[in-house]
């Protein structure tokens, strides 16, 4: 598997707050299945970071596009392949 970092930028805070619970439930489902390995908000409240464990960029994009905060337009994202330097 390959790691992908999604930089999530909040563009509509009001809409974002409305779907936050659904967004977190979606991410916890991906976390439980091993598709997400890390996630969390930025401390300046501008968005967050999600690290996906996917077989391809296209697969990671599919998961992101299903995220409630992307579907409703409250966030936009930038996705990049990422290499962890903590691996043995």
PDB file of N, CA and C in Angstrom:
ATOM      1  N   UNK A   1       0.831  -1.194   0.000  1.00  0.00           N
ATOM      2  CA  UNK A   1       0.000   0.000   0.000  1.00  0.00           C
ATOM      3  C   UNK A   1       0.874   1.255   0.000  1.00  0.00           C
ATOM      4  N   UNK A   2       0.287   2.314  -0.470  1.00  0.00           N
ATOM      5  CA  UNK A   2       0.960   3.602  -0.582  1.00  0.00           C
ATOM      6  C   UNK A   2       0.214   4.588   0.311  1.00  0.00           C
ATOM      7  N   UNK A   3       0.937   5.506   0.919  1.00  0.00           N
ATOM      8  CA  UNK A   3       0.314   6.519   1.769  1.00  0.00           C
ATOM      9  C   UNK A   3       0.061   7.790   0.968  1.00  0.00           C
ATOM     10  N   UNK A   4      -1.084   8.408   1.231  1.00  0.00           N
ATOM     11  CA  UNK A   4      -1.471   9.660   0.587  1.00  0.00           C
ATOM     12  C   UNK A   4      -1.926  10.636   1.660  1.00  0.00           C
ATOM     13  N   UNK A   5      -1.435  11.866   1.573  1.00  0.00           N
ATOM     14  CA  UNK A   5      -1.796  12.914   2.525  1.00  0.00           C
ATOM     15  C   UNK A   5      -2.817  13.839   1.876  1.00  0.00           C
ATOM     16  N   UNK A   6      -3.951  13.993   2.540  1.00  0.00           N
ATOM     17  CA  UNK A   6      -4.995  14.903   2.074  1.00  0.00           C
ATOM     18  C   UNK A   6      -5.014  16.114   2.997  1.00  0.00           C
ATOM     19  N   UNK A   7      -4.696  17.268   2.426  1.00  0.00           N
ATOM     20  CA  UNK A   7      -4.761  18.529   3.151  1.00  0.00           C
ATOM     21  C   UNK A   7      -6.160  19.089   2.914  1.00  0.00           C
ATOM     22  N   UNK A   8      -6.969  19.089   3.959  1.00  0.00           N
ATOM     23  CA  UNK A   8      -8.365  19.508   3.862  1.00  0.00           C
ATOM     24  C   UNK A   8      -8.485  20.961   4.318  1.00  0.00           C
ATOM     25  N   UNK A   9      -8.964  21.822   3.435  1.00  0.00           N
ATOM     26  CA  UNK A   9      -9.128  23.244   3.758  1.00  0.00           C
ATOM     27  C   UNK A   9     -10.611  23.569   3.911  1.00  0.00           C
ATOM     28  N   UNK A  10     -10.976  24.135   5.051  1.00  0.00           N
ATOM     29  CA  UNK A  10     -12.363  24.535   5.285  1.00  0.00           C
ATOM     30  C   UNK A  10     -12.656  25.800   4.493  1.00  0.00           C
ATOM     31  N   UNK A  11     -13.713  25.755   3.682  1.00  0.00           N
ATOM     32  CA  UNK A  11     -14.105  26.921   2.891  1.00  0.00           C
ATOM     33  C   UNK A  11     -15.460  27.481   3.317  1.00  0.00           C
ATOM     34  N   UNK A  12     -16.234  26.699   4.071  1.00  0.00           N
ATOM     35  CA  UNK A  12     -17.524  27.162   4.580  1.00  0.00           C
ATOM     36  C   UNK A  12     -17.712  26.581   5.986  1.00  0.00           C
ATOM     37  N   UNK A  13     -17.380  27.380   6.992  1.00  0.00           N
ATOM     38  CA  UNK A  13     -17.405  26.890   8.378  1.00  0.00           C
ATOM     39  C   UNK A  13     -18.805  26.502   8.843  1.00  0.00           C
ATOM     40  N   UNK A  14     -19.814  27.217   8.389  1.00  0.00           N
ATOM     41  CA  UNK A  14     -21.182  26.919   8.805  1.00  0.00           C
ATOM     42  C   UNK A  14     -21.633  25.555   8.266  1.00  0.00           C
ATOM     43  N   UNK A  15     -21.422  25.323   6.969  1.00  0.00           N
ATOM     44  CA  UNK A  15     -21.764  24.027   6.380  1.00  0.00           C
ATOM     45  C   UNK A  15     -20.920  22.915   6.991  1.00  0.00           C
ATOM     46  N   UNK A  16     -19.652  23.221   7.258  1.00  0.00           N
ATOM     47  CA  UNK A  16     -18.739  22.234   7.829  1.00  0.00           C
ATOM     48  C   UNK A  16     -19.252  21.753   9.188  1.00  0.00           C
ATOM     49  N   UNK A  17     -19.712  22.687  10.008  1.00  0.00           N
ATOM     50  CA  UNK A  17     -20.220  22.330  11.338  1.00  0.00           C
ATOM     51  C   UNK A  17     -21.457  21.437  11.234  1.00  0.00           C
ATOM     52  N   UNK A  18     -22.266  21.647  10.199  1.00  0.00           N
ATOM     53  CA  UNK A  18     -23.489  20.860  10.024  1.00  0.00           C
ATOM     54  C   UNK A  18     -23.209  19.391   9.710  1.00  0.00           C
ATOM     55  N   UNK A  19     -22.089  19.106   9.043  1.00  0.00           N
ATOM     56  CA  UNK A  19     -21.793  17.719   8.639  1.00  0.00           C
ATOM     57  C   UNK A  19     -20.614  17.122   9.400  1.00  0.00           C
ATOM     58  N   UNK A  20     -20.137  17.807  10.426  1.00  0.00           N
ATOM     59  CA  UNK A  20     -18.961  17.335  11.155  1.00  0.00           C
ATOM     60  C   UNK A  20     -19.164  15.935  11.736  1.00  0.00           C
ATOM     61  N   UNK A  21     -20.319  15.683  12.345  1.00  0.00           N
ATOM     62  CA  UNK A  21     -20.563  14.365  12.940  1.00  0.00           C
ATOM     63  C   UNK A  21     -20.519  13.273  11.869  1.00  0.00           C
ATOM     64  N   UNK A  22     -21.166  13.520  10.747  1.00  0.00           N
ATOM     65  CA  UNK A  22     -21.179  12.553   9.641  1.00  0.00           C
ATOM     66  C   UNK A  22     -19.763  12.345   9.083  1.00  0.00           C
ATOM     67  N   UNK A  23     -18.999  13.427   8.977  1.00  0.00           N
ATOM     68  CA  UNK A  23     -17.601  13.368   8.516  1.00  0.00           C
ATOM     69  C   UNK A  23     -16.766  12.485   9.442  1.00  0.00           C
ATOM     70  N   UNK A  24     -16.903  12.698  10.749  1.00  0.00           N
ATOM     71  CA  UNK A  24     -16.127  11.909  11.711  1.00  0.00           C
ATOM     72  C   UNK A  24     -16.536  10.441  11.694  1.00  0.00           C
ATOM     73  N   UNK A  25     -17.818  10.168  11.581  1.00  0.00           N
ATOM     74  CA  UNK A  25     -18.280   8.778  11.484  1.00  0.00           C
ATOM     75  C   UNK A  25     -17.698   8.104  10.244  1.00  0.00           C
ATOM     76  N   UNK A  26     -17.679   8.831   9.136  1.00  0.00           N
ATOM     77  CA  UNK A  26     -17.114   8.301   7.895  1.00  0.00           C
ATOM     78  C   UNK A  26     -15.627   7.988   8.078  1.00  0.00           C
ATOM     79  N   UNK A  27     -14.884   8.924   8.675  1.00  0.00           N
ATOM     80  CA  UNK A  27     -13.449   8.708   8.873  1.00  0.00           C
ATOM     81  C   UNK A  27     -13.164   7.568   9.839  1.00  0.00           C
ATOM     82  N   UNK A  28     -13.948   7.446  10.904  1.00  0.00           N
ATOM     83  CA  UNK A  28     -13.729   6.340  11.839  1.00  0.00           C
ATOM     84  C   UNK A  28     -13.988   4.995  11.166  1.00  0.00           C
ATOM     85  N   UNK A  29     -14.925   4.942  10.241  1.00  0.00           N
ATOM     86  CA  UNK A  29     -15.144   3.723   9.469  1.00  0.00           C
ATOM     87  C   UNK A  29     -13.925   3.373   8.628  1.00  0.00           C
ATOM     88  N   UNK A  30     -13.329   4.389   7.987  1.00  0.00           N
ATOM     89  CA  UNK A  30     -12.113   4.166   7.197  1.00  0.00           C
ATOM     90  C   UNK A  30     -10.939   3.802   8.093  1.00  0.00           C
ATOM     91  N   UNK A  31     -10.880   4.401   9.264  1.00  0.00           N
ATOM     92  CA  UNK A  31      -9.813   4.094  10.221  1.00  0.00           C
ATOM     93  C   UNK A  31      -9.925   2.643  10.688  1.00  0.00           C
ATOM     94  N   UNK A  32     -11.118   2.218  11.020  1.00  0.00           N
ATOM     95  CA  UNK A  32     -11.342   0.844  11.482  1.00  0.00           C
ATOM     96  C   UNK A  32     -10.982  -0.190  10.421  1.00  0.00           C
ATOM     97  N   UNK A  33     -11.135   0.175   9.145  1.00  0.00           N
ATOM     98  CA  UNK A  33     -10.834  -0.761   8.057  1.00  0.00           C
ATOM     99  C   UNK A  33      -9.392  -0.652   7.564  1.00  0.00           C
ATOM    100  N   UNK A  34      -8.597   0.239   8.173  1.00  0.00           N
ATOM    101  CA  UNK A  34      -7.196   0.385   7.790  1.00  0.00           C
ATOM    102  C   UNK A  34      -6.955   1.288   6.594  1.00  0.00           C
ATOM    103  N   UNK A  35      -8.002   1.940   6.098  1.00  0.00           N
ATOM    104  CA  UNK A  35      -7.859   2.823   4.939  1.00  0.00           C
ATOM    105  C   UNK A  35      -7.328   4.197   5.329  1.00  0.00           C
ATOM    106  N   UNK A  36      -7.540   4.587   6.578  1.00  0.00           N
ATOM    107  CA  UNK A  36      -6.984   5.827   7.132  1.00  0.00           C
ATOM    108  C   UNK A  36      -6.050   5.427   8.260  1.00  0.00           C
ATOM    109  N   UNK A  37      -4.847   6.015   8.263  1.00  0.00           N
ATOM    110  CA  UNK A  37      -3.878   5.671   9.305  1.00  0.00           C
ATOM    111  C   UNK A  37      -3.660   6.815  10.294  1.00  0.00           C
ATOM    112  N   UNK A  38      -4.054   8.023   9.921  1.00  0.00           N
ATOM    113  CA  UNK A  38      -3.943   9.175  10.825  1.00  0.00           C
ATOM    114  C   UNK A  38      -4.892  10.256  10.334  1.00  0.00           C
ATOM    115  N   UNK A  39      -5.372  11.052  11.278  1.00  0.00           N
ATOM    116  CA  UNK A  39      -6.270  12.153  10.924  1.00  0.00           C
ATOM    117  C   UNK A  39      -6.281  13.162  12.054  1.00  0.00           C
ATOM    118  N   UNK A  40      -6.616  14.383  11.733  1.00  0.00           N
ATOM    119  CA  UNK A  40      -6.760  15.382  12.777  1.00  0.00           C
ATOM    120  C   UNK A  40      -6.843  16.786  12.218  1.00  0.00           C
ATOM    121  N   UNK A  41      -7.389  17.699  13.032  1.00  0.00           N
ATOM    122  CA  UNK A  41      -7.546  19.089  12.607  1.00  0.00           C
ATOM    123  C   UNK A  41      -6.264  19.894  12.805  1.00  0.00           C
ATOM    124  N   UNK A  42      -6.151  20.966  12.039  1.00  0.00           N
ATOM    125  CA  UNK A  42      -5.082  21.937  12.271  1.00  0.00           C
ATOM    126  C   UNK A  42      -5.505  22.817  13.444  1.00  0.00           C
ATOM    127  N   UNK A  43      -4.551  23.234  14.255  1.00  0.00           N
ATOM    128  CA  UNK A  43      -4.874  24.007  15.456  1.00  0.00           C
ATOM    129  C   UNK A  43      -5.398  25.406  15.142  1.00  0.00           C
ATOM    130  N   UNK A  44      -5.182  25.892  13.906  1.00  0.00           N
ATOM    131  CA  UNK A  44      -5.711  27.213  13.546  1.00  0.00           C
ATOM    132  C   UNK A  44      -7.134  27.133  12.984  1.00  0.00           C
ATOM    133  N   UNK A  45      -7.742  25.931  13.020  1.00  0.00           N
ATOM    134  CA  UNK A  45      -9.124  25.696  12.586  1.00  0.00           C
ATOM    135  C   UNK A  45      -9.346  25.936  11.093  1.00  0.00           C
ATOM    136  N   UNK A  46      -8.280  25.848  10.300  1.00  0.00           N
ATOM    137  CA  UNK A  46      -8.393  26.072   8.859  1.00  0.00           C
ATOM    138  C   UNK A  46      -8.741  24.800   8.090  1.00  0.00           C
ATOM    139  N   UNK A  47      -8.761  23.662   8.779  1.00  0.00           N
ATOM    140  CA  UNK A  47      -9.029  22.385   8.120  1.00  0.00           C
ATOM    141  C   UNK A  47      -8.330  21.275   8.858  1.00  0.00           C
ATOM    142  N   UNK A  48      -7.845  20.289   8.107  1.00  0.00           N
ATOM    143  CA  UNK A  48      -7.171  19.176   8.753  1.00  0.00           C
ATOM    144  C   UNK A  48      -6.349  18.358   7.783  1.00  0.00           C
ATOM    145  N   UNK A  49      -5.778  17.287   8.302  1.00  0.00           N
ATOM    146  CA  UNK A  49      -4.925  16.388   7.531  1.00  0.00           C
ATOM    147  C   UNK A  49      -5.423  14.962   7.730  1.00  0.00           C
ATOM    148  N   UNK A  50      -5.499  14.222   6.637  1.00  0.00           N
ATOM    149  CA  UNK A  50      -5.874  12.812   6.688  1.00  0.00           C
ATOM    150  C   UNK A  50      -4.823  12.036   5.909  1.00  0.00           C
ATOM    151  N   UNK A  51      -4.304  10.963   6.507  1.00  0.00           N
ATOM    152  CA  UNK A  51      -3.349  10.096   5.825  1.00  0.00           C
ATOM    153  C   UNK A  51      -4.081   8.809   5.449  1.00  0.00           C
ATOM    154  N   UNK A  52      -4.164   8.558   4.141  1.00  0.00           N
ATOM    155  CA  UNK A  52      -4.833   7.372   3.608  1.00  0.00           C
ATOM    156  C   UNK A  52      -3.818   6.297   3.249  1.00  0.00           C
ATOM    157  N   UNK A  53      -4.197   5.053   3.432  1.00  0.00           N
ATOM    158  CA  UNK A  53      -3.413   3.887   3.045  1.00  0.00           C
ATOM    159  C   UNK A  53      -4.162   3.251   1.875  1.00  0.00           C
ATOM    160  N   UNK A  54      -3.731   3.545   0.646  1.00  0.00           N
ATOM    161  CA  UNK A  54      -4.472   3.120  -0.544  1.00  0.00           C
ATOM    162  C   UNK A  54      -3.547   2.438  -1.545  1.00  0.00           C
ATOM    163  N   UNK A  55      -4.139   1.761  -2.501  1.00  0.00           N
ATOM    164  CA  UNK A  55      -3.345   1.095  -3.530  1.00  0.00           C
ATOM    165  C   UNK A  55      -2.984   2.034  -4.673  1.00  0.00           C
ATOM    166  N   UNK A  56      -3.687   3.174  -4.770  1.00  0.00           N
ATOM    167  CA  UNK A  56      -3.416   4.136  -5.841  1.00  0.00           C
ATOM    168  C   UNK A  56      -3.973   5.509  -5.463  1.00  0.00           C
ATOM    169  N   UNK A  57      -3.520   6.522  -6.189  1.00  0.00           N
ATOM    170  CA  UNK A  57      -4.037   7.875  -6.011  1.00  0.00           C
ATOM    171  C   UNK A  57      -5.540   7.887  -6.311  1.00  0.00           C
ATOM    172  N   UNK A  58      -5.946   7.160  -7.333  1.00  0.00           N
ATOM    173  CA  UNK A  58      -7.356   7.120  -7.716  1.00  0.00           C
ATOM    174  C   UNK A  58      -8.224   6.540  -6.596  1.00  0.00           C
ATOM    175  N   UNK A  59      -7.724   5.491  -5.940  1.00  0.00           N
ATOM    176  CA  UNK A  59      -8.484   4.898  -4.839  1.00  0.00           C
ATOM    177  C   UNK A  59      -8.626   5.892  -3.684  1.00  0.00           C
ATOM    178  N   UNK A  60      -7.544   6.577  -3.333  1.00  0.00           N
ATOM    179  CA  UNK A  60      -7.600   7.582  -2.265  1.00  0.00           C
ATOM    180  C   UNK A  60      -8.583   8.695  -2.635  1.00  0.00           C
ATOM    181  N   UNK A  61      -8.579   9.125  -3.900  1.00  0.00           N
ATOM    182  CA  UNK A  61      -9.512  10.166  -4.349  1.00  0.00           C
ATOM    183  C   UNK A  61     -10.960   9.700  -4.224  1.00  0.00           C
ATOM    184  N   UNK A  62     -11.207   8.429  -4.539  1.00  0.00           N
ATOM    185  CA  UNK A  62     -12.570   7.890  -4.400  1.00  0.00           C
ATOM    186  C   UNK A  62     -13.056   8.022  -2.964  1.00  0.00           C
ATOM    187  N   UNK A  63     -12.195   7.678  -2.010  1.00  0.00           N
ATOM    188  CA  UNK A  63     -12.579   7.771  -0.599  1.00  0.00           C
ATOM    189  C   UNK A  63     -12.811   9.220  -0.189  1.00  0.00           C
ATOM    190  N   UNK A  64     -11.943  10.114  -0.642  1.00  0.00           N
ATOM    191  CA  UNK A  64     -12.091  11.533  -0.290  1.00  0.00           C
ATOM    192  C   UNK A  64     -13.389  12.094  -0.863  1.00  0.00           C
ATOM    193  N   UNK A  65     -13.679  11.766  -2.111  1.00  0.00           N
ATOM    194  CA  UNK A  65     -14.876  12.301  -2.764  1.00  0.00           C
ATOM    195  C   UNK A  65     -16.166  11.840  -2.082  1.00  0.00           C
ATOM    196  N   UNK A  66     -16.119  10.749  -1.332  1.00  0.00           N
ATOM    197  CA  UNK A  66     -17.292  10.260  -0.593  1.00  0.00           C
ATOM    198  C   UNK A  66     -17.429  10.901   0.787  1.00  0.00           C
ATOM    199  N   UNK A  67     -16.417  11.635   1.221  1.00  0.00           N
ATOM    200  CA  UNK A  67     -16.440  12.278   2.538  1.00  0.00           C
ATOM    201  C   UNK A  67     -17.530  13.355   2.549  1.00  0.00           C
ATOM    202  N   UNK A  68     -18.379  13.360   3.558  1.00  0.00           N
ATOM    203  CA  UNK A  68     -19.460  14.345   3.627  1.00  0.00           C
ATOM    204  C   UNK A  68     -19.006  15.804   3.506  1.00  0.00           C
ATOM    205  N   UNK A  69     -17.842  16.158   4.035  1.00  0.00           N
ATOM    206  CA  UNK A  69     -17.396  17.554   3.955  1.00  0.00           C
ATOM    207  C   UNK A  69     -16.946  17.940   2.551  1.00  0.00           C
ATOM    208  N   UNK A  70     -16.581  16.964   1.741  1.00  0.00           N
ATOM    209  CA  UNK A  70     -16.241  17.224   0.340  1.00  0.00           C
ATOM    210  C   UNK A  70     -17.517  17.229  -0.490  1.00  0.00           C
ATOM    211  N   UNK A  71     -18.392  16.272  -0.245  1.00  0.00           N
ATOM    212  CA  UNK A  71     -19.657  16.188  -0.990  1.00  0.00           C
ATOM    213  C   UNK A  71     -20.490  17.456  -0.845  1.00  0.00           C
ATOM    214  N   UNK A  72     -20.500  18.044   0.361  1.00  0.00           N
ATOM    215  CA  UNK A  72     -21.345  19.233   0.562  1.00  0.00           C
ATOM    216  C   UNK A  72     -20.619  20.536   0.234  1.00  0.00           C
ATOM    217  N   UNK A  73     -19.339  20.458  -0.121  1.00  0.00           N
ATOM    218  CA  UNK A  73     -18.591  21.649  -0.525  1.00  0.00           C
ATOM    219  C   UNK A  73     -18.062  22.492   0.614  1.00  0.00           C
ATOM    220  N   UNK A  74     -18.134  22.002   1.849  1.00  0.00           N
ATOM    221  CA  UNK A  74     -17.637  22.808   2.966  1.00  0.00           C
ATOM    222  C   UNK A  74     -16.114  22.772   3.081  1.00  0.00           C
ATOM    223  N   UNK A  75     -15.485  21.790   2.420  1.00  0.00           N
ATOM    224  CA  UNK A  75     -14.023  21.729   2.377  1.00  0.00           C
ATOM    225  C   UNK A  75     -13.562  21.382   0.973  1.00  0.00           C
ATOM    226  N   UNK A  76     -12.351  21.802   0.669  1.00  0.00           N
ATOM    227  CA  UNK A  76     -11.687  21.365  -0.552  1.00  0.00           C
ATOM    228  C   UNK A  76     -10.388  20.691  -0.126  1.00  0.00           C
ATOM    229  N   UNK A  77      -9.769  19.964  -1.022  1.00  0.00           N
ATOM    230  CA  UNK A  77      -8.588  19.199  -0.627  1.00  0.00           C
ATOM    231  C   UNK A  77      -7.485  19.242  -1.669  1.00  0.00           C
ATOM    232  N   UNK A  78      -6.282  18.983  -1.189  1.00  0.00           N
ATOM    233  CA  UNK A  78      -5.111  18.728  -2.024  1.00  0.00           C
ATOM    234  C   UNK A  78      -4.582  17.374  -1.588  1.00  0.00           C
ATOM    235  N   UNK A  79      -4.355  16.489  -2.547  1.00  0.00           N
ATOM    236  CA  UNK A  79      -3.901  15.135  -2.246  1.00  0.00           C
ATOM    237  C   UNK A  79      -2.514  14.917  -2.826  1.00  0.00           C
ATOM    238  N   UNK A  80      -1.611  14.402  -1.990  1.00  0.00           N
ATOM    239  CA  UNK A  80      -0.243  14.129  -2.427  1.00  0.00           C
ATOM    240  C   UNK A  80       0.197  12.772  -1.910  1.00  0.00           C
ATOM    241  N   UNK A  81       0.982  12.066  -2.737  1.00  0.00           N
ATOM    242  CA  UNK A  81       1.592  10.832  -2.251  1.00  0.00           C
ATOM    243  C   UNK A  81       2.588  11.220  -1.167  1.00  0.00           C
ATOM    244  N   UNK A  82       2.659  10.402  -0.108  1.00  0.00           N
ATOM    245  CA  UNK A  82       3.469  10.751   1.056  1.00  0.00           C
ATOM    246  C   UNK A  82       4.288   9.553   1.488  1.00  0.00           C
ATOM    247  N   UNK A  83       5.520   9.796   1.866  1.00  0.00           N
ATOM    248  CA  UNK A  83       6.392   8.727   2.353  1.00  0.00           C
ATOM    249  C   UNK A  83       6.738   9.001   3.805  1.00  0.00           C
ATOM    250  N   UNK A  84       6.385   8.078   4.657  1.00  0.00           N
ATOM    251  CA  UNK A  84       6.731   8.197   6.071  1.00  0.00           C
ATOM    252  C   UNK A  84       8.192   7.818   6.256  1.00  0.00           C
ATOM    253  N   UNK A  85       8.908   8.598   7.023  1.00  0.00           N
ATOM    254  CA  UNK A  85      10.305   8.268   7.330  1.00  0.00           C
ATOM    255  C   UNK A  85      10.407   7.505   8.643  1.00  0.00           C
ATOM    256  N   UNK A  86       9.271   7.138   9.233  1.00  0.00           N
ATOM    257  CA  UNK A  86       9.261   6.381  10.482  1.00  0.00           C
ATOM    258  C   UNK A  86       9.226   4.880  10.252  1.00  0.00           C
ATOM    259  N   UNK A  87       9.086   4.467   9.003  1.00  0.00           N
ATOM    260  CA  UNK A  87       9.032   3.037   8.700  1.00  0.00           C
ATOM    261  C   UNK A  87      10.375   2.377   8.944  1.00  0.00           C
ATOM    262  N   UNK A  88      10.339   1.130   9.394  1.00  0.00           N
ATOM    263  CA  UNK A  88      11.572   0.382   9.660  1.00  0.00           C
ATOM    264  C   UNK A  88      12.203  -0.104   8.380  1.00  0.00           C
TER     265      UNK A  88
END
